[in-house]
N, C-alpha and C. Protein backbone atom coordinates (compact mmCIF):
# COMPACT_ATOMS: atom_id res chain seq x y z
N MET A 1 198.83 92.53 -104.68
CA MET A 1 199.59 92.46 -103.44
C MET A 1 200.99 93.06 -103.64
N ASN A 2 201.62 92.73 -104.74
CA ASN A 2 202.96 93.26 -105.01
C ASN A 2 202.92 94.77 -105.19
N ALA A 3 201.83 95.26 -105.81
CA ALA A 3 201.70 96.71 -106.00
C ALA A 3 201.61 97.42 -104.65
N GLY A 4 200.88 96.81 -103.70
CA GLY A 4 200.75 97.40 -102.36
C GLY A 4 202.08 97.39 -101.62
N LEU A 5 202.81 96.30 -101.72
CA LEU A 5 204.11 96.21 -101.04
C LEU A 5 205.13 97.19 -101.63
N SER A 6 205.09 97.35 -102.94
CA SER A 6 206.02 98.30 -103.56
C SER A 6 205.66 99.74 -103.18
N ARG A 7 204.37 99.99 -103.03
CA ARG A 7 203.93 101.33 -102.62
C ARG A 7 204.39 101.64 -101.20
N VAL A 8 204.30 100.65 -100.31
CA VAL A 8 204.74 100.83 -98.93
C VAL A 8 206.22 101.14 -98.87
N GLU A 9 207.01 100.46 -99.71
CA GLU A 9 208.45 100.69 -99.72
C GLU A 9 208.81 102.08 -100.19
N GLU A 10 207.95 102.70 -101.02
CA GLU A 10 208.21 104.06 -101.53
C GLU A 10 207.94 105.14 -100.50
N ASN A 11 207.08 104.86 -99.55
CA ASN A 11 206.71 105.85 -98.55
C ASN A 11 207.86 106.13 -97.59
N PRO A 12 207.91 107.37 -97.05
CA PRO A 12 208.94 107.67 -96.06
C PRO A 12 208.70 106.91 -94.76
N THR A 13 209.73 106.75 -93.97
CA THR A 13 209.62 106.01 -92.72
C THR A 13 208.85 106.82 -91.70
N LEU A 14 208.38 106.13 -90.67
CA LEU A 14 207.65 106.79 -89.58
C LEU A 14 208.54 107.83 -88.89
N ALA A 15 209.79 107.49 -88.67
CA ALA A 15 210.72 108.43 -88.02
C ALA A 15 210.88 109.70 -88.85
N HIS A 16 210.97 109.54 -90.18
CA HIS A 16 211.10 110.70 -91.05
C HIS A 16 209.84 111.58 -90.98
N LEU A 17 208.67 110.94 -91.01
CA LEU A 17 207.41 111.70 -90.93
C LEU A 17 207.29 112.43 -89.59
N LEU A 18 207.68 111.77 -88.50
CA LEU A 18 207.64 112.43 -87.19
C LEU A 18 208.56 113.63 -87.16
N LEU A 19 209.77 113.47 -87.70
CA LEU A 19 210.74 114.57 -87.71
C LEU A 19 210.22 115.75 -88.53
N VAL A 20 209.64 115.47 -89.68
CA VAL A 20 209.09 116.54 -90.54
C VAL A 20 207.94 117.26 -89.83
N ASN A 21 207.06 116.51 -89.17
CA ASN A 21 205.92 117.13 -88.49
C ASN A 21 206.35 117.93 -87.27
N ILE A 22 207.33 117.45 -86.52
CA ILE A 22 207.83 118.22 -85.38
C ILE A 22 208.48 119.51 -85.86
N LYS A 23 209.24 119.42 -86.94
CA LYS A 23 209.89 120.61 -87.51
C LYS A 23 208.84 121.63 -87.96
N ASP A 24 207.79 121.15 -88.67
CA ASP A 24 206.72 122.05 -89.12
C ASP A 24 205.96 122.65 -87.93
N GLY A 25 205.75 121.86 -86.88
CA GLY A 25 205.08 122.36 -85.68
C GLY A 25 205.87 123.45 -85.00
N LEU A 26 207.18 123.28 -84.92
CA LEU A 26 208.02 124.31 -84.31
C LEU A 26 208.03 125.59 -85.14
N LYS A 27 208.06 125.44 -86.46
CA LYS A 27 207.99 126.62 -87.33
C LYS A 27 206.67 127.37 -87.12
N MET A 28 205.57 126.61 -87.10
CA MET A 28 204.25 127.24 -86.94
C MET A 28 204.15 127.92 -85.57
N THR A 29 204.67 127.28 -84.55
CA THR A 29 204.65 127.87 -83.21
C THR A 29 205.43 129.17 -83.17
N SER A 30 206.59 129.20 -83.83
CA SER A 30 207.41 130.42 -83.82
C SER A 30 206.73 131.56 -84.58
N VAL A 31 205.83 131.23 -85.48
CA VAL A 31 205.10 132.27 -86.21
C VAL A 31 203.89 132.74 -85.42
N ILE A 32 203.16 131.80 -84.80
CA ILE A 32 201.90 132.11 -84.13
C ILE A 32 202.12 132.67 -82.73
N LEU A 33 203.09 132.18 -82.00
CA LEU A 33 203.29 132.58 -80.60
C LEU A 33 203.46 134.08 -80.40
N PRO A 34 204.29 134.76 -81.19
CA PRO A 34 204.40 136.23 -80.98
C PRO A 34 203.09 136.96 -81.16
N THR A 35 202.29 136.54 -82.11
CA THR A 35 200.99 137.17 -82.33
C THR A 35 200.08 136.95 -81.13
N GLY A 36 200.03 135.73 -80.64
CA GLY A 36 199.20 135.43 -79.47
C GLY A 36 199.62 136.20 -78.25
N VAL A 37 200.92 136.28 -78.02
CA VAL A 37 201.42 137.00 -76.85
C VAL A 37 201.13 138.50 -76.98
N SER A 38 201.30 139.04 -78.18
CA SER A 38 201.05 140.48 -78.33
C SER A 38 199.56 140.81 -78.18
N VAL A 39 198.68 139.95 -78.70
CA VAL A 39 197.23 140.18 -78.53
C VAL A 39 196.87 140.06 -77.06
N GLY A 40 197.44 139.06 -76.37
CA GLY A 40 197.18 138.90 -74.92
C GLY A 40 197.65 140.09 -74.12
N LEU A 41 198.85 140.60 -74.44
CA LEU A 41 199.39 141.76 -73.73
C LEU A 41 198.53 143.00 -74.00
N LEU A 42 198.16 143.21 -75.25
CA LEU A 42 197.31 144.35 -75.58
C LEU A 42 195.98 144.27 -74.86
N SER A 43 195.40 143.08 -74.81
CA SER A 43 194.13 142.89 -74.10
C SER A 43 194.27 143.18 -72.62
N LEU A 44 195.35 142.70 -72.04
CA LEU A 44 195.60 142.93 -70.62
C LEU A 44 195.77 144.42 -70.34
N LEU A 45 196.51 145.11 -71.18
CA LEU A 45 196.68 146.56 -71.01
C LEU A 45 195.37 147.31 -71.19
N LEU A 46 194.59 146.92 -72.20
CA LEU A 46 193.28 147.56 -72.39
C LEU A 46 192.37 147.33 -71.19
N SER A 47 192.41 146.15 -70.64
CA SER A 47 191.57 145.82 -69.50
C SER A 47 192.00 146.58 -68.25
N ALA A 48 193.29 146.72 -68.05
CA ALA A 48 193.80 147.35 -66.82
C ALA A 48 193.74 148.87 -66.86
N TYR A 49 193.95 149.48 -68.03
CA TYR A 49 194.13 150.92 -68.08
C TYR A 49 193.08 151.68 -68.89
N THR A 50 192.11 150.99 -69.46
CA THR A 50 191.07 151.68 -70.21
C THR A 50 189.70 151.07 -69.88
N PRO A 51 188.65 151.79 -70.15
CA PRO A 51 187.30 151.24 -69.92
C PRO A 51 186.71 150.54 -71.15
N VAL A 52 187.56 150.14 -72.11
CA VAL A 52 187.06 149.57 -73.36
C VAL A 52 186.16 148.36 -73.11
N PHE A 53 186.62 147.43 -72.26
CA PHE A 53 185.82 146.23 -72.03
C PHE A 53 184.60 146.53 -71.16
N ASP A 54 184.66 147.60 -70.36
CA ASP A 54 183.45 148.03 -69.64
C ASP A 54 182.39 148.48 -70.65
N TRP A 55 182.82 149.25 -71.64
CA TRP A 55 181.88 149.73 -72.65
C TRP A 55 181.30 148.57 -73.45
N LEU A 56 182.18 147.65 -73.88
CA LEU A 56 181.70 146.49 -74.65
C LEU A 56 180.82 145.59 -73.78
N GLY A 57 181.12 145.53 -72.50
CA GLY A 57 180.34 144.72 -71.59
C GLY A 57 178.92 145.24 -71.40
N MET A 58 178.72 146.51 -71.68
CA MET A 58 177.38 147.08 -71.57
C MET A 58 176.40 146.44 -72.56
N ILE A 59 176.93 145.81 -73.60
CA ILE A 59 176.07 145.08 -74.53
C ILE A 59 175.40 143.90 -73.82
N PHE A 60 176.17 143.22 -72.95
CA PHE A 60 175.67 142.00 -72.30
C PHE A 60 175.05 142.26 -70.94
N TYR A 61 175.37 143.40 -70.33
CA TYR A 61 174.93 143.67 -68.96
C TYR A 61 173.41 143.63 -68.79
N PRO A 62 172.62 144.29 -69.64
CA PRO A 62 171.16 144.28 -69.40
C PRO A 62 170.58 142.86 -69.35
N LEU A 63 171.00 142.01 -70.25
CA LEU A 63 170.48 140.64 -70.25
C LEU A 63 170.93 139.89 -69.00
N LEU A 64 172.18 140.05 -68.61
CA LEU A 64 172.66 139.38 -67.40
C LEU A 64 171.94 139.90 -66.17
N ALA A 65 171.67 141.20 -66.12
CA ALA A 65 170.96 141.77 -64.98
C ALA A 65 169.51 141.28 -64.91
N VAL A 66 168.84 141.22 -66.06
CA VAL A 66 167.45 140.75 -66.10
C VAL A 66 167.38 139.28 -65.65
N LEU A 67 168.39 138.50 -66.04
CA LEU A 67 168.41 137.09 -65.66
C LEU A 67 168.98 136.87 -64.25
N GLN A 68 169.24 137.98 -63.54
CA GLN A 68 169.69 137.98 -62.15
C GLN A 68 170.98 137.18 -61.94
N VAL A 69 171.90 137.37 -62.87
CA VAL A 69 173.22 136.75 -62.73
C VAL A 69 174.01 137.56 -61.72
N PRO A 70 174.58 136.92 -60.69
CA PRO A 70 175.36 137.67 -59.72
C PRO A 70 176.61 138.26 -60.39
N GLU A 71 177.01 139.42 -59.90
CA GLU A 71 178.17 140.12 -60.49
C GLU A 71 177.96 140.32 -61.99
N ALA A 72 176.79 140.83 -62.36
CA ALA A 72 176.43 140.94 -63.78
C ALA A 72 177.39 141.82 -64.57
N MET A 73 177.82 142.94 -63.99
CA MET A 73 178.73 143.83 -64.73
C MET A 73 180.09 143.20 -64.92
N LEU A 74 180.60 142.55 -63.88
CA LEU A 74 181.90 141.88 -64.00
C LEU A 74 181.83 140.75 -65.02
N THR A 75 180.75 140.00 -65.00
CA THR A 75 180.57 138.90 -65.96
C THR A 75 180.48 139.47 -67.38
N ALA A 76 179.76 140.56 -67.55
CA ALA A 76 179.62 141.20 -68.87
C ALA A 76 180.96 141.70 -69.37
N LYS A 77 181.73 142.32 -68.50
CA LYS A 77 183.06 142.82 -68.87
C LYS A 77 183.96 141.66 -69.27
N THR A 78 183.87 140.56 -68.54
CA THR A 78 184.70 139.40 -68.84
C THR A 78 184.30 138.79 -70.19
N MET A 79 183.00 138.75 -70.48
CA MET A 79 182.55 138.24 -71.78
C MET A 79 183.07 139.11 -72.91
N ALA A 80 183.08 140.41 -72.71
CA ALA A 80 183.60 141.32 -73.73
C ALA A 80 185.09 141.12 -73.91
N ALA A 81 185.82 140.90 -72.82
CA ALA A 81 187.25 140.70 -72.92
C ALA A 81 187.59 139.40 -73.64
N ALA A 82 186.69 138.43 -73.59
CA ALA A 82 186.92 137.15 -74.27
C ALA A 82 186.96 137.32 -75.78
N LEU A 83 186.41 138.41 -76.29
CA LEU A 83 186.49 138.67 -77.73
C LEU A 83 187.93 138.89 -78.15
N ALA A 84 188.70 139.56 -77.31
CA ALA A 84 190.08 139.88 -77.66
C ALA A 84 191.03 138.74 -77.36
N GLU A 85 190.82 138.05 -76.27
CA GLU A 85 191.75 137.01 -75.85
C GLU A 85 191.00 136.01 -75.01
N MET A 86 191.23 134.73 -75.21
CA MET A 86 190.38 133.76 -74.53
C MET A 86 190.91 133.27 -73.20
N PHE A 87 192.16 133.53 -72.84
CA PHE A 87 192.70 132.97 -71.61
C PHE A 87 192.68 133.94 -70.43
N PHE A 88 193.02 135.21 -70.65
CA PHE A 88 193.15 136.10 -69.51
C PHE A 88 191.82 136.47 -68.84
N PRO A 89 190.67 136.46 -69.52
CA PRO A 89 189.43 136.81 -68.81
C PRO A 89 189.07 135.89 -67.65
N THR A 90 189.53 134.65 -67.68
CA THR A 90 189.19 133.74 -66.59
C THR A 90 189.73 134.23 -65.26
N GLY A 91 190.84 134.92 -65.28
CA GLY A 91 191.40 135.48 -64.06
C GLY A 91 190.58 136.62 -63.51
N MET A 92 189.81 137.28 -64.37
CA MET A 92 188.98 138.39 -63.92
C MET A 92 187.83 137.92 -63.04
N LEU A 93 187.43 136.66 -63.19
CA LEU A 93 186.30 136.12 -62.43
C LEU A 93 186.75 135.25 -61.27
N GLY A 94 187.97 135.44 -60.82
CA GLY A 94 188.55 134.58 -59.80
C GLY A 94 187.65 134.26 -58.61
N ASP A 95 187.12 135.26 -57.94
CA ASP A 95 186.30 135.03 -56.74
C ASP A 95 184.81 135.23 -57.00
N ALA A 96 184.41 135.27 -58.24
CA ALA A 96 183.00 135.47 -58.58
C ALA A 96 182.20 134.22 -58.21
N PRO A 97 180.89 134.39 -58.04
CA PRO A 97 180.05 133.22 -57.74
C PRO A 97 180.12 132.17 -58.85
N MET A 98 179.85 130.94 -58.49
CA MET A 98 179.93 129.82 -59.43
C MET A 98 179.03 130.03 -60.63
N LEU A 99 177.84 130.60 -60.44
CA LEU A 99 176.92 130.83 -61.55
C LEU A 99 177.55 131.75 -62.59
N SER A 100 178.19 132.82 -62.14
CA SER A 100 178.84 133.75 -63.08
C SER A 100 179.96 133.05 -63.84
N ARG A 101 180.76 132.27 -63.12
CA ARG A 101 181.87 131.57 -63.77
C ARG A 101 181.35 130.52 -64.77
N TYR A 102 180.27 129.84 -64.41
CA TYR A 102 179.69 128.85 -65.31
C TYR A 102 179.18 129.51 -66.59
N ILE A 103 178.45 130.60 -66.44
CA ILE A 103 177.89 131.30 -67.60
C ILE A 103 179.01 131.81 -68.50
N PHE A 104 180.05 132.35 -67.88
CA PHE A 104 181.19 132.80 -68.69
C PHE A 104 181.83 131.62 -69.42
N GLY A 105 181.97 130.49 -68.75
CA GLY A 105 182.57 129.31 -69.38
C GLY A 105 181.78 128.85 -70.59
N VAL A 106 180.47 128.81 -70.45
CA VAL A 106 179.62 128.37 -71.56
C VAL A 106 179.72 129.33 -72.73
N THR A 107 179.61 130.62 -72.46
CA THR A 107 179.67 131.59 -73.55
C THR A 107 181.08 131.65 -74.15
N SER A 108 182.09 131.42 -73.33
CA SER A 108 183.44 131.40 -73.84
C SER A 108 183.67 130.24 -74.80
N VAL A 109 183.18 129.07 -74.44
CA VAL A 109 183.30 127.91 -75.32
C VAL A 109 182.53 128.16 -76.62
N SER A 110 181.37 128.77 -76.52
CA SER A 110 180.60 129.11 -77.71
C SER A 110 181.39 130.04 -78.62
N GLY A 111 182.05 131.02 -78.03
CA GLY A 111 182.86 131.95 -78.81
C GLY A 111 184.07 131.28 -79.44
N VAL A 112 184.72 130.40 -78.69
CA VAL A 112 185.89 129.70 -79.22
C VAL A 112 185.48 128.82 -80.39
N LEU A 113 184.35 128.12 -80.25
CA LEU A 113 183.87 127.29 -81.35
C LEU A 113 183.56 128.13 -82.58
N PHE A 114 183.03 129.32 -82.35
CA PHE A 114 182.71 130.21 -83.46
C PHE A 114 183.99 130.66 -84.16
N PHE A 115 184.95 131.14 -83.38
CA PHE A 115 186.17 131.66 -83.98
C PHE A 115 187.05 130.57 -84.56
N ALA A 116 187.08 129.40 -83.93
CA ALA A 116 187.95 128.33 -84.41
C ALA A 116 187.30 127.51 -85.51
N GLY A 117 185.98 127.44 -85.54
CA GLY A 117 185.31 126.60 -86.52
C GLY A 117 184.64 127.35 -87.64
N SER A 118 183.73 128.23 -87.29
CA SER A 118 182.91 128.90 -88.30
C SER A 118 183.68 129.93 -89.11
N ILE A 119 184.44 130.76 -88.45
CA ILE A 119 185.11 131.86 -89.17
C ILE A 119 186.09 131.35 -90.21
N PRO A 120 186.95 130.37 -89.89
CA PRO A 120 187.84 129.89 -90.97
C PRO A 120 187.07 129.33 -92.17
N CYS A 121 185.96 128.67 -91.90
CA CYS A 121 185.14 128.14 -93.01
C CYS A 121 184.53 129.28 -93.82
N ILE A 122 184.05 130.29 -93.14
CA ILE A 122 183.45 131.44 -93.85
C ILE A 122 184.51 132.16 -94.67
N LEU A 123 185.68 132.38 -94.07
CA LEU A 123 186.74 133.11 -94.77
C LEU A 123 187.33 132.29 -95.92
N ALA A 124 187.23 130.96 -95.84
CA ALA A 124 187.76 130.12 -96.92
C ALA A 124 186.87 130.16 -98.16
N THR A 125 185.63 130.57 -97.98
CA THR A 125 184.72 130.69 -99.12
C THR A 125 184.82 132.08 -99.70
N GLU A 126 184.04 132.33 -100.71
CA GLU A 126 184.03 133.67 -101.31
C GLU A 126 182.86 134.50 -100.81
N ILE A 127 182.33 134.15 -99.63
CA ILE A 127 181.23 134.91 -99.05
C ILE A 127 181.79 136.25 -98.59
N PRO A 128 181.23 137.36 -99.05
CA PRO A 128 181.77 138.67 -98.69
C PRO A 128 181.34 139.11 -97.28
N VAL A 129 182.05 138.61 -96.27
CA VAL A 129 181.76 138.96 -94.89
C VAL A 129 182.94 139.77 -94.35
N LYS A 130 182.62 140.90 -93.74
CA LYS A 130 183.66 141.77 -93.18
C LYS A 130 183.81 141.48 -91.69
N VAL A 131 184.95 141.88 -91.14
CA VAL A 131 185.24 141.62 -89.71
C VAL A 131 184.17 142.23 -88.80
N PRO A 132 183.70 143.46 -89.02
CA PRO A 132 182.64 143.98 -88.15
C PRO A 132 181.39 143.10 -88.14
N HIS A 133 181.08 142.48 -89.28
CA HIS A 133 179.94 141.58 -89.34
C HIS A 133 180.20 140.32 -88.51
N LEU A 134 181.42 139.83 -88.55
CA LEU A 134 181.79 138.66 -87.75
C LEU A 134 181.70 138.97 -86.26
N VAL A 135 182.11 140.17 -85.87
CA VAL A 135 182.01 140.57 -84.46
C VAL A 135 180.55 140.67 -84.06
N LEU A 136 179.72 141.20 -84.94
CA LEU A 136 178.28 141.28 -84.66
C LEU A 136 177.68 139.88 -84.50
N ILE A 137 178.08 138.96 -85.35
CA ILE A 137 177.60 137.57 -85.23
C ILE A 137 178.06 136.98 -83.90
N TRP A 138 179.30 137.29 -83.50
CA TRP A 138 179.80 136.80 -82.21
C TRP A 138 178.96 137.36 -81.06
N ILE A 139 178.63 138.65 -81.12
CA ILE A 139 177.81 139.27 -80.06
C ILE A 139 176.45 138.60 -79.99
N ILE A 140 175.82 138.38 -81.14
CA ILE A 140 174.51 137.71 -81.16
C ILE A 140 174.63 136.30 -80.60
N ARG A 141 175.69 135.63 -80.94
CA ARG A 141 175.91 134.27 -80.44
C ARG A 141 176.05 134.24 -78.93
N VAL A 142 176.78 135.21 -78.38
CA VAL A 142 176.93 135.29 -76.92
C VAL A 142 175.59 135.63 -76.28
N LEU A 143 174.86 136.57 -76.87
CA LEU A 143 173.55 136.94 -76.33
C LEU A 143 172.59 135.76 -76.34
N LEU A 144 172.68 134.90 -77.33
CA LEU A 144 171.83 133.70 -77.35
C LEU A 144 172.32 132.63 -76.38
N SER A 145 173.63 132.61 -76.14
CA SER A 145 174.20 131.60 -75.22
C SER A 145 173.89 131.92 -73.77
N ILE A 146 173.75 133.19 -73.43
CA ILE A 146 173.53 133.58 -72.02
C ILE A 146 172.26 132.96 -71.45
N PRO A 147 171.08 133.14 -72.07
CA PRO A 147 169.88 132.55 -71.47
C PRO A 147 169.93 131.02 -71.41
N LEU A 148 170.54 130.40 -72.42
CA LEU A 148 170.68 128.95 -72.40
C LEU A 148 171.56 128.50 -71.24
N ALA A 149 172.65 129.22 -71.02
CA ALA A 149 173.56 128.87 -69.92
C ALA A 149 172.87 129.08 -68.57
N VAL A 150 172.12 130.16 -68.43
CA VAL A 150 171.40 130.42 -67.18
C VAL A 150 170.37 129.32 -66.93
N LEU A 151 169.63 128.95 -67.98
CA LEU A 151 168.63 127.90 -67.85
C LEU A 151 169.26 126.58 -67.40
N VAL A 152 170.32 126.18 -68.07
CA VAL A 152 171.01 124.92 -67.71
C VAL A 152 171.60 125.02 -66.31
N ALA A 153 172.12 126.18 -65.95
CA ALA A 153 172.69 126.34 -64.61
C ALA A 153 171.63 126.17 -63.54
N HIS A 154 170.45 126.73 -63.77
CA HIS A 154 169.38 126.60 -62.78
C HIS A 154 168.80 125.18 -62.75
N LEU A 155 168.71 124.56 -63.92
CA LEU A 155 168.24 123.17 -63.96
C LEU A 155 169.22 122.25 -63.28
N GLY A 156 170.50 122.51 -63.44
CA GLY A 156 171.53 121.70 -62.80
C GLY A 156 171.89 122.18 -61.42
N GLN A 157 171.20 123.20 -60.94
CA GLN A 157 171.41 123.79 -59.61
C GLN A 157 172.85 124.22 -59.39
N ILE A 158 173.44 124.88 -60.41
CA ILE A 158 174.77 125.45 -60.30
C ILE A 158 174.60 126.87 -59.80
N VAL A 159 174.61 127.05 -58.52
CA VAL A 159 174.38 128.40 -57.96
C VAL A 159 175.42 128.74 -56.96
């Protein structure tokens, strides 16, 4: 019991820990924020002034068209844009039918889980995976998510 009490007395106070964590959070934000803003701006410029996301969207368009997703090309373009940045593509589907927005939401969450969960784990290991391979895995993941999202949308009558 005395060993536990002496150990507690050695630890820093809650206020000190909060101050240290807030300070570290602000430092991390100041490092990450410029990168996020620059990627978002580049994505927005590419979307507005080039056909890059139209070309990338052609990967998803045939499957969306076969599954009779309304606004298939717009949905495909938005899915491709989600590779570069996860927030601005939602504005591209503003007035699209609910089914298109739902399918994009499902595939977007799948992509975020992939990039936020799987990729850091893969990169932390010594598995020799290159970025083009990771993009290919992302494309396959989206292609597999599309039919599942359409199926669930029709079962749940999200039309």
